[in-house]
Structures are given as structure tokens and as C-alpha cells.
């Protein structure tokens, strides 16, 4: 069961727990996302130094699709686990969960082919 959902049902003050979850979640999500963006920046700089226009376009299209899926993946994770949610956001949580568990895995075959 999700820890945030369990905290919502608690009858005591959960502020310190929510701050801990936000801090740990931010570190766990932000650090890998920043590393991915830096590596794509290095790849982009390398691609732009290539003399072949055809090779450059192919590499940019592949990297662009990967970066798009990574952004959607991390955006869904951030929206689901880091952004504080109120009691009225169940529809948002369901939509983000479907995006995270169904849409992103279905995009992988399109990117790899």
C-alpha cells in the first residue's frame, strides 16, 4: 500500500512524515533525472559535432524520442509521489498511475523499432 495513502487515513499529525517523504522522494527522483539530462546534453553536444547531416538527424530523432519518454516517466513519478496531493485529487492520481504503468511501457516498442 502507498505510504501517502496510509498517512491520509491517520488520525494524528503527519506533517513531519510528509516532509520526510517529500525530502527523500525529491532526492531519489531528482538526482537520477538530472544525471540523465546531463548525459543527454553530452550526447547532444557530440551529435552536433558530427559532419554528416543524415547521421545527425537520425541520432537526434532517436535521442529525442528517448528523452520524451524519460520526461513523461519522470513527470508521472513526480506528479504521483512528490507533488502534495489533497483529498480531491483521486482522478489525477488514477490518470497519472495509468500513464505511469500502461502508457510508458507501451511506448518502448515504438522507440526501439
C-alpha atoms as a PDB file:
ATOM      1  CA  UNK A   1       0.000   0.000   0.000  1.00  0.00           C
ATOM      2  CA  UNK A   2       1.151   3.537  -0.731  1.00  0.00           C
ATOM      3  CA  UNK A   3       2.592   5.336   2.283  1.00  0.00           C
ATOM      4  CA  UNK A   4       0.918   8.653   1.396  1.00  0.00           C
ATOM      5  CA  UNK A   5      -2.499   6.978   1.292  1.00  0.00           C
ATOM      6  CA  UNK A   6      -1.825   5.450   4.691  1.00  0.00           C
ATOM      7  CA  UNK A   7      -0.836   8.831   6.110  1.00  0.00           C
ATOM      8  CA  UNK A   8      -4.096  10.366   4.836  1.00  0.00           C
ATOM      9  CA  UNK A   9      -6.057   7.887   6.942  1.00  0.00           C
ATOM     10  CA  UNK A  10      -4.036   8.592  10.060  1.00  0.00           C
ATOM     11  CA  UNK A  11      -5.751  10.464  12.879  1.00  0.00           C
ATOM     12  CA  UNK A  12      -2.555  12.044  14.206  1.00  0.00           C
ATOM     13  CA  UNK A  13      -0.413  14.883  12.907  1.00  0.00           C
ATOM     14  CA  UNK A  14       1.607  13.552   9.958  1.00  0.00           C
ATOM     15  CA  UNK A  15       3.382  16.767   8.959  1.00  0.00           C
ATOM     16  CA  UNK A  16       6.859  15.535   9.883  1.00  0.00           C
ATOM     17  CA  UNK A  17       6.269  12.284   7.980  1.00  0.00           C
ATOM     18  CA  UNK A  18       5.051  14.160   4.900  1.00  0.00           C
ATOM     19  CA  UNK A  19       8.140  16.397   4.973  1.00  0.00           C
ATOM     20  CA  UNK A  20      10.356  13.312   5.240  1.00  0.00           C
ATOM     21  CA  UNK A  21       8.610  11.649   2.311  1.00  0.00           C
ATOM     22  CA  UNK A  22       8.883  14.834   0.242  1.00  0.00           C
ATOM     23  CA  UNK A  23      12.588  15.224   1.037  1.00  0.00           C
ATOM     24  CA  UNK A  24      13.515  11.604   0.363  1.00  0.00           C
ATOM     25  CA  UNK A  25      11.311  11.412  -2.720  1.00  0.00           C
ATOM     26  CA  UNK A  26      12.781  14.594  -4.142  1.00  0.00           C
ATOM     27  CA  UNK A  27      16.312  13.311  -3.720  1.00  0.00           C
ATOM     28  CA  UNK A  28      15.522   9.871  -5.153  1.00  0.00           C
ATOM     29  CA  UNK A  29      13.764  11.303  -8.215  1.00  0.00           C
ATOM     30  CA  UNK A  30      15.742  14.486  -8.874  1.00  0.00           C
ATOM     31  CA  UNK A  31      19.270  13.072  -8.776  1.00  0.00           C
ATOM     32  CA  UNK A  32      18.775  10.357 -11.443  1.00  0.00           C
ATOM     33  CA  UNK A  33      16.724  12.751 -13.607  1.00  0.00           C
ATOM     34  CA  UNK A  34      19.499  15.337 -13.513  1.00  0.00           C
ATOM     35  CA  UNK A  35      22.107  12.686 -14.363  1.00  0.00           C
ATOM     36  CA  UNK A  36      20.005  11.605 -17.344  1.00  0.00           C
ATOM     37  CA  UNK A  37      19.645  15.190 -18.550  1.00  0.00           C
ATOM     38  CA  UNK A  38      23.388  15.796 -18.238  1.00  0.00           C
ATOM     39  CA  UNK A  39      24.167  12.629 -20.187  1.00  0.00           C
ATOM     40  CA  UNK A  40      21.712  13.631 -22.919  1.00  0.00           C
ATOM     41  CA  UNK A  41      23.351  17.043 -23.013  1.00  0.00           C
ATOM     42  CA  UNK A  42      26.736  15.395 -23.602  1.00  0.00           C
ATOM     43  CA  UNK A  43      25.254  13.150 -26.286  1.00  0.00           C
ATOM     44  CA  UNK A  44      23.612  16.144 -27.941  1.00  0.00           C
ATOM     45  CA  UNK A  45      26.898  18.056 -27.996  1.00  0.00           C
ATOM     46  CA  UNK A  46      28.635  15.025 -29.519  1.00  0.00           C
ATOM     47  CA  UNK A  47      25.910  14.598 -32.134  1.00  0.00           C
ATOM     48  CA  UNK A  48      26.069  18.238 -33.165  1.00  0.00           C
ATOM     49  CA  UNK A  49      29.803  17.899 -33.888  1.00  0.00           C
ATOM     50  CA  UNK A  50      29.153  15.165 -36.482  1.00  0.00           C
ATOM     51  CA  UNK A  51      29.748  16.244 -40.072  1.00  0.00           C
ATOM     52  CA  UNK A  52      27.056  14.006 -41.592  1.00  0.00           C
ATOM     53  CA  UNK A  53      23.638  15.663 -41.676  1.00  0.00           C
ATOM     54  CA  UNK A  54      21.839  12.342 -42.202  1.00  0.00           C
ATOM     55  CA  UNK A  55      23.586  10.715 -39.229  1.00  0.00           C
ATOM     56  CA  UNK A  56      22.921  13.790 -37.106  1.00  0.00           C
ATOM     57  CA  UNK A  57      19.185  13.728 -37.896  1.00  0.00           C
ATOM     58  CA  UNK A  58      18.904  10.009 -37.148  1.00  0.00           C
ATOM     59  CA  UNK A  59      20.752  10.356 -33.832  1.00  0.00           C
ATOM     60  CA  UNK A  60      18.692  13.394 -32.800  1.00  0.00           C
ATOM     61  CA  UNK A  61      15.415  11.658 -33.617  1.00  0.00           C
ATOM     62  CA  UNK A  62      16.387   8.613 -31.547  1.00  0.00           C
ATOM     63  CA  UNK A  63      17.614  10.702 -28.621  1.00  0.00           C
ATOM     64  CA  UNK A  64      14.551  12.923 -28.871  1.00  0.00           C
ATOM     65  CA  UNK A  65      12.138  10.027 -28.531  1.00  0.00           C
ATOM     66  CA  UNK A  66      14.083   8.585 -25.613  1.00  0.00           C
ATOM     67  CA  UNK A  67      14.193  11.961 -23.901  1.00  0.00           C
ATOM     68  CA  UNK A  68      10.454  12.380 -24.439  1.00  0.00           C
ATOM     69  CA  UNK A  69       9.664   9.060 -22.747  1.00  0.00           C
ATOM     70  CA  UNK A  70      12.097   9.759 -19.909  1.00  0.00           C
ATOM     71  CA  UNK A  71      10.440  13.142 -19.370  1.00  0.00           C
ATOM     72  CA  UNK A  72       6.955  11.614 -19.356  1.00  0.00           C
ATOM     73  CA  UNK A  73       8.140   8.876 -16.978  1.00  0.00           C
ATOM     74  CA  UNK A  74       9.742  11.260 -14.508  1.00  0.00           C
ATOM     75  CA  UNK A  75       6.879  13.735 -14.857  1.00  0.00           C
ATOM     76  CA  UNK A  76       4.439  10.997 -13.874  1.00  0.00           C
ATOM     77  CA  UNK A  77       6.618   9.914 -10.968  1.00  0.00           C
ATOM     78  CA  UNK A  78       6.941  13.491  -9.739  1.00  0.00           C
ATOM     79  CA  UNK A  79       3.214  14.123 -10.091  1.00  0.00           C
ATOM     80  CA  UNK A  80       2.337  10.903  -8.299  1.00  0.00           C
ATOM     81  CA  UNK A  81       4.814  10.782  -5.449  1.00  0.00           C
ATOM     82  CA  UNK A  82       6.322  14.211  -4.853  1.00  0.00           C
ATOM     83  CA  UNK A  83       3.603  16.783  -5.529  1.00  0.00           C
ATOM     84  CA  UNK A  84       1.489  17.008  -2.396  1.00  0.00           C
ATOM     85  CA  UNK A  85      -1.992  15.746  -3.080  1.00  0.00           C
ATOM     86  CA  UNK A  86      -5.218  16.755  -1.432  1.00  0.00           C
ATOM     87  CA  UNK A  87      -8.267  14.575  -0.856  1.00  0.00           C
ATOM     88  CA  UNK A  88      -9.920  15.732  -4.101  1.00  0.00           C
ATOM     89  CA  UNK A  89      -7.172  14.569  -6.463  1.00  0.00           C
ATOM     90  CA  UNK A  90      -8.107  10.907  -6.804  1.00  0.00           C
ATOM     91  CA  UNK A  91      -8.876  11.370 -10.516  1.00  0.00           C
ATOM     92  CA  UNK A  92      -5.438  12.914 -11.037  1.00  0.00           C
ATOM     93  CA  UNK A  93      -3.768  10.073  -9.152  1.00  0.00           C
ATOM     94  CA  UNK A  94      -5.597   7.479 -11.250  1.00  0.00           C
ATOM     95  CA  UNK A  95      -4.707   9.227 -14.520  1.00  0.00           C
ATOM     96  CA  UNK A  96      -1.038   9.552 -13.564  1.00  0.00           C
ATOM     97  CA  UNK A  97      -0.939   5.922 -12.400  1.00  0.00           C
ATOM     98  CA  UNK A  98      -2.351   4.743 -15.731  1.00  0.00           C
ATOM     99  CA  UNK A  99       0.177   6.899 -17.573  1.00  0.00           C
ATOM    100  CA  UNK A 100       2.995   5.523 -15.415  1.00  0.00           C
ATOM    101  CA  UNK A 101       2.042   1.845 -15.601  1.00  0.00           C
ATOM    102  CA  UNK A 102       0.427   1.465 -19.039  1.00  0.00           C
ATOM    103  CA  UNK A 103       1.306   4.231 -21.470  1.00  0.00           C
ATOM    104  CA  UNK A 104       5.038   4.465 -20.862  1.00  0.00           C
ATOM    105  CA  UNK A 105       5.703   0.703 -21.213  1.00  0.00           C
ATOM    106  CA  UNK A 106       3.646   0.657 -24.420  1.00  0.00           C
ATOM    107  CA  UNK A 107       5.854   3.424 -25.870  1.00  0.00           C
ATOM    108  CA  UNK A 108       9.059   1.371 -25.521  1.00  0.00           C
ATOM    109  CA  UNK A 109       8.448  -0.877 -28.580  1.00  0.00           C
ATOM    110  CA  UNK A 110       7.858   2.187 -30.736  1.00  0.00           C
ATOM    111  CA  UNK A 111      11.110   3.771 -29.612  1.00  0.00           C
ATOM    112  CA  UNK A 112      13.201   0.627 -30.023  1.00  0.00           C
ATOM    113  CA  UNK A 113      11.939  -0.101 -33.523  1.00  0.00           C
END
